[in-house]
Amino acid sequence: MENYIVRIYRRDAADPHKVAGVFESVEQETENTFTNLNSLVSLLASNGADGDATDAIDTARTAEGKP
């Protein structure tokens, strides 16, 4: 099981996919910044997160009523 720490410092209330923060991989001892939700998903995917990270975005968009 991988462990990550995600800190979100900024979020656009009008567009929840516009977020900025820091992504840390505990096991790899790495820290990367992200400036939008797609960047965060890419970091998760490149660090070997289980499952399909894009499914999480699609689910979030559907819940918000976005295509």
N, C-alpha and C. Protein backbone atom coordinates (compact mmCIF):
# COMPACT_ATOMS: atom_id res chain seq x y z
N MET A 1 0.84 -1.17 0.00
CA MET A 1 0.00 0.00 0.00
C MET A 1 0.89 1.24 0.00
N GLU A 2 0.57 2.17 -0.89
CA GLU A 2 1.30 3.42 -0.95
C GLU A 2 0.64 4.44 -0.03
N ASN A 3 1.44 5.36 0.47
CA ASN A 3 0.93 6.43 1.32
C ASN A 3 1.32 7.77 0.72
N TYR A 4 0.34 8.66 0.65
CA TYR A 4 0.55 9.99 0.08
C TYR A 4 0.01 11.04 1.02
N ILE A 5 0.61 12.21 0.96
CA ILE A 5 0.10 13.38 1.66
C ILE A 5 -0.20 14.42 0.59
N VAL A 6 -1.43 14.91 0.57
CA VAL A 6 -1.83 15.93 -0.40
C VAL A 6 -2.26 17.16 0.38
N ARG A 7 -1.59 18.28 0.11
CA ARG A 7 -1.95 19.55 0.75
C ARG A 7 -2.49 20.48 -0.34
N ILE A 8 -3.70 20.92 -0.15
CA ILE A 8 -4.30 21.85 -1.11
C ILE A 8 -4.27 23.24 -0.48
N TYR A 9 -3.60 24.16 -1.16
CA TYR A 9 -3.43 25.51 -0.64
C TYR A 9 -4.39 26.51 -1.27
N ARG A 10 -4.77 26.27 -2.51
CA ARG A 10 -5.69 27.18 -3.19
C ARG A 10 -6.70 26.38 -3.99
N ARG A 11 -7.93 26.90 -4.03
CA ARG A 11 -8.99 26.27 -4.81
C ARG A 11 -9.88 27.36 -5.36
N ASP A 12 -10.22 27.27 -6.62
CA ASP A 12 -11.11 28.23 -7.27
C ASP A 12 -12.55 27.81 -7.00
N ALA A 13 -13.31 28.64 -6.31
CA ALA A 13 -14.69 28.30 -5.97
C ALA A 13 -15.56 28.13 -7.22
N ALA A 14 -15.24 28.86 -8.28
CA ALA A 14 -16.02 28.77 -9.53
C ALA A 14 -15.68 27.52 -10.32
N ASP A 15 -14.45 27.03 -10.20
CA ASP A 15 -14.01 25.83 -10.93
C ASP A 15 -13.21 24.95 -9.98
N PRO A 16 -13.85 23.95 -9.37
CA PRO A 16 -13.16 23.12 -8.39
C PRO A 16 -11.98 22.32 -8.94
N HIS A 17 -11.82 22.25 -10.25
CA HIS A 17 -10.68 21.54 -10.83
C HIS A 17 -9.43 22.40 -10.83
N LYS A 18 -9.57 23.68 -10.51
CA LYS A 18 -8.43 24.57 -10.39
C LYS A 18 -7.99 24.58 -8.93
N VAL A 19 -7.00 23.75 -8.65
CA VAL A 19 -6.46 23.64 -7.30
C VAL A 19 -4.94 23.74 -7.37
N ALA A 20 -4.34 24.17 -6.29
CA ALA A 20 -2.88 24.23 -6.22
C ALA A 20 -2.45 23.68 -4.88
N GLY A 21 -1.37 22.92 -4.90
CA GLY A 21 -0.90 22.35 -3.66
C GLY A 21 0.36 21.53 -3.82
N VAL A 22 0.58 20.66 -2.84
CA VAL A 22 1.77 19.83 -2.79
C VAL A 22 1.35 18.37 -2.65
N PHE A 23 2.01 17.50 -3.39
CA PHE A 23 1.78 16.06 -3.35
C PHE A 23 3.06 15.41 -2.85
N GLU A 24 2.97 14.64 -1.77
CA GLU A 24 4.14 13.96 -1.23
C GLU A 24 3.93 12.45 -1.28
N SER A 25 4.94 11.74 -1.71
CA SER A 25 4.96 10.28 -1.64
C SER A 25 5.78 9.92 -0.41
N VAL A 26 5.14 9.28 0.56
CA VAL A 26 5.82 8.98 1.81
C VAL A 26 6.96 7.98 1.60
N GLU A 27 6.69 6.87 0.88
CA GLU A 27 7.71 5.85 0.68
C GLU A 27 8.87 6.35 -0.17
N GLN A 28 8.57 7.09 -1.21
CA GLN A 28 9.63 7.57 -2.11
C GLN A 28 10.31 8.83 -1.58
N GLU A 29 9.74 9.42 -0.54
CA GLU A 29 10.26 10.66 0.05
C GLU A 29 10.43 11.75 -1.00
N THR A 30 9.39 11.93 -1.83
CA THR A 30 9.40 12.97 -2.85
C THR A 30 8.28 13.96 -2.59
N GLU A 31 8.47 15.16 -3.08
CA GLU A 31 7.48 16.22 -2.94
C GLU A 31 7.36 16.94 -4.28
N ASN A 32 6.14 17.07 -4.80
CA ASN A 32 5.89 17.74 -6.07
C ASN A 32 4.73 18.70 -5.91
N THR A 33 4.77 19.78 -6.66
CA THR A 33 3.66 20.72 -6.64
C THR A 33 2.72 20.42 -7.80
N PHE A 34 1.45 20.83 -7.66
CA PHE A 34 0.48 20.72 -8.74
C PHE A 34 -0.33 22.00 -8.79
N THR A 35 -0.81 22.33 -9.98
CA THR A 35 -1.55 23.58 -10.17
C THR A 35 -2.97 23.36 -10.69
N ASN A 36 -3.33 22.09 -10.91
CA ASN A 36 -4.70 21.78 -11.30
C ASN A 36 -4.96 20.30 -11.00
N LEU A 37 -6.21 19.90 -11.08
CA LEU A 37 -6.58 18.54 -10.74
C LEU A 37 -5.93 17.52 -11.66
N ASN A 38 -5.78 17.85 -12.94
CA ASN A 38 -5.13 16.92 -13.86
C ASN A 38 -3.68 16.66 -13.48
N SER A 39 -2.99 17.69 -13.01
CA SER A 39 -1.60 17.51 -12.56
C SER A 39 -1.55 16.58 -11.35
N LEU A 40 -2.50 16.73 -10.44
CA LEU A 40 -2.55 15.87 -9.27
C LEU A 40 -2.79 14.42 -9.69
N VAL A 41 -3.72 14.21 -10.61
CA VAL A 41 -4.00 12.85 -11.09
C VAL A 41 -2.76 12.26 -11.76
N SER A 42 -2.04 13.05 -12.53
CA SER A 42 -0.81 12.57 -13.17
C SER A 42 0.22 12.15 -12.14
N LEU A 43 0.34 12.93 -11.07
CA LEU A 43 1.27 12.56 -10.01
C LEU A 43 0.87 11.25 -9.35
N LEU A 44 -0.40 11.08 -9.11
CA LEU A 44 -0.87 9.82 -8.53
C LEU A 44 -0.58 8.66 -9.47
N ALA A 45 -0.87 8.84 -10.74
CA ALA A 45 -0.67 7.77 -11.72
C ALA A 45 0.82 7.43 -11.86
N SER A 46 1.67 8.42 -11.87
CA SER A 46 3.10 8.17 -12.05
C SER A 46 3.73 7.55 -10.80
N ASN A 47 3.05 7.66 -9.67
CA ASN A 47 3.56 7.07 -8.44
C ASN A 47 2.96 5.70 -8.17
N GLY A 48 2.22 5.16 -9.16
CA GLY A 48 1.73 3.80 -9.03
C GLY A 48 0.50 3.64 -8.16
N ALA A 49 -0.34 4.66 -8.06
CA ALA A 49 -1.55 4.54 -7.26
C ALA A 49 -2.44 3.45 -7.84
N ASP A 50 -3.08 2.70 -6.97
CA ASP A 50 -3.99 1.64 -7.42
C ASP A 50 -5.21 2.24 -8.08
N GLY A 51 -5.75 1.53 -9.06
CA GLY A 51 -6.98 1.98 -9.71
C GLY A 51 -6.71 3.01 -10.78
N ASP A 52 -7.74 3.40 -11.46
CA ASP A 52 -7.64 4.38 -12.54
C ASP A 52 -8.00 5.75 -12.00
N ALA A 53 -7.01 6.62 -11.87
CA ALA A 53 -7.22 7.94 -11.28
C ALA A 53 -8.18 8.79 -12.10
N THR A 54 -8.24 8.56 -13.41
CA THR A 54 -9.15 9.36 -14.22
C THR A 54 -10.60 9.04 -13.90
N ASP A 55 -10.87 7.83 -13.42
CA ASP A 55 -12.23 7.50 -12.99
C ASP A 55 -12.66 8.39 -11.84
N ALA A 56 -11.73 8.72 -10.97
CA ALA A 56 -12.06 9.59 -9.84
C ALA A 56 -12.47 10.98 -10.32
N ILE A 57 -11.79 11.49 -11.33
CA ILE A 57 -12.15 12.81 -11.87
C ILE A 57 -13.51 12.74 -12.54
N ASP A 58 -13.74 11.71 -13.34
CA ASP A 58 -15.03 11.57 -14.01
C ASP A 58 -16.16 11.49 -12.99
N THR A 59 -15.95 10.76 -11.92
CA THR A 59 -16.97 10.65 -10.87
C THR A 59 -17.22 11.99 -10.22
N ALA A 60 -16.15 12.74 -9.95
CA ALA A 60 -16.29 14.06 -9.33
C ALA A 60 -17.04 15.02 -10.25
N ARG A 61 -16.74 14.99 -11.54
CA ARG A 61 -17.42 15.87 -12.49
C ARG A 61 -18.89 15.52 -12.59
N THR A 62 -19.20 14.24 -12.61
CA THR A 62 -20.59 13.80 -12.68
C THR A 62 -21.35 14.28 -11.46
N ALA A 63 -20.73 14.16 -10.29
CA ALA A 63 -21.38 14.60 -9.05
C ALA A 63 -21.64 16.10 -9.05
N GLU A 64 -20.79 16.85 -9.75
CA GLU A 64 -20.95 18.31 -9.83
C GLU A 64 -21.89 18.71 -10.96
N GLY A 65 -22.36 17.74 -11.74
CA GLY A 65 -23.24 18.04 -12.86
C GLY A 65 -22.52 18.53 -14.09
N LYS A 66 -21.22 18.24 -14.19
CA LYS A 66 -20.42 18.65 -15.35
C LYS A 66 -20.21 17.47 -16.27
N PRO A 67 -20.12 17.70 -17.57
CA PRO A 67 -19.88 16.60 -18.53
C PRO A 67 -18.46 16.05 -18.44
